[in-house]
C-alpha cells in the first residue's frame, strides 16, 4: 500500500491551480495591421487584430473569452504595412520576445510619419491596475526610434524603442527583434462611475517614423483579491489536513 505525505504547501498549490479563470487574469494580445476581423494564435494564444479603420469592442483574452475592454483610435494619421515586403519582423524569437513572438503580429504594423497616433483603452475596471507592453520594428539601416507615451491616473510616462538601424537588433539584424517597452502598475483614469480608461500614443523619436506592431495587456488584481484567495485556500488546506490526521 502506498503512503502519501501531505503538507500545507502541497495542498495549497493544488488549490491555487484550481482557482477560477477570472482570478488568474489572462493576457490580452493585439496585432496592429493585418486582415480585418481575423484573430490569430500562437503558443495557444488568441490575438485581436486592429486595422486602419477599426475600433475594437469586447477584446478577446488569450483563450478567446470576451472581455469588457475596448480599444479605439482617438486621433492621428497613420499608415500600415502588411506581412510581405514591409520591413516587419517575420522570424521573431520566443526567447527574445516571449509570447509576442508571433510572426503574423510582428510582421505587420502601423506607422506614423511626423505625427502622433493616439489610442484609448476603455471600459476598464478602476479597482485594478494594468501592465502594457509594446513592440515596434522596421528593418532598415536608417536610425529610427519610437516614443510611446502612456497616460493614466498617475500622469504620463514615456518609453522609447530603437526600431531600426544598422545592426541594432540581436544577431546584427537591422531592426528591433529583441526589445519591448513595458509600463507597469497603471491605474486607469475614471471617466464615469462605471467606466475608466488609459490612453497611449505613438510618435517618432529619431527620424520621421514611429511604429507599433504588437501589444500585450495584463490585468493586475487588487492586493486584497490575492489576500482573500490566499486566506481561503489556506483555510481549506488546513481543514483538509485536519481530516487526514
Foldseek 3Di string as FASTA:
>chain_A
DDDDDDDLVNLLVVVVVVPDPVLVFAKAKEFEDDDPPDWDADPQFTHHYDYPPDKAAQGAGGNRHGDRKIKDWPDDDKDKDAQPPFQFDQQADCVQVPRCRDNRQRSMWIKAFQMKTKMKIKQDDQQWFKKKKFDWAGQDADWWKKKKWKQAPVGIDIDMDGAAHQQPDPPRGGGHRHDMDMDPGGGFDDPDPRMTIMMMMMAIDPHGMTITRMMMMTIGHHPVSVVVSSVVSSVVSVVVVVVVD
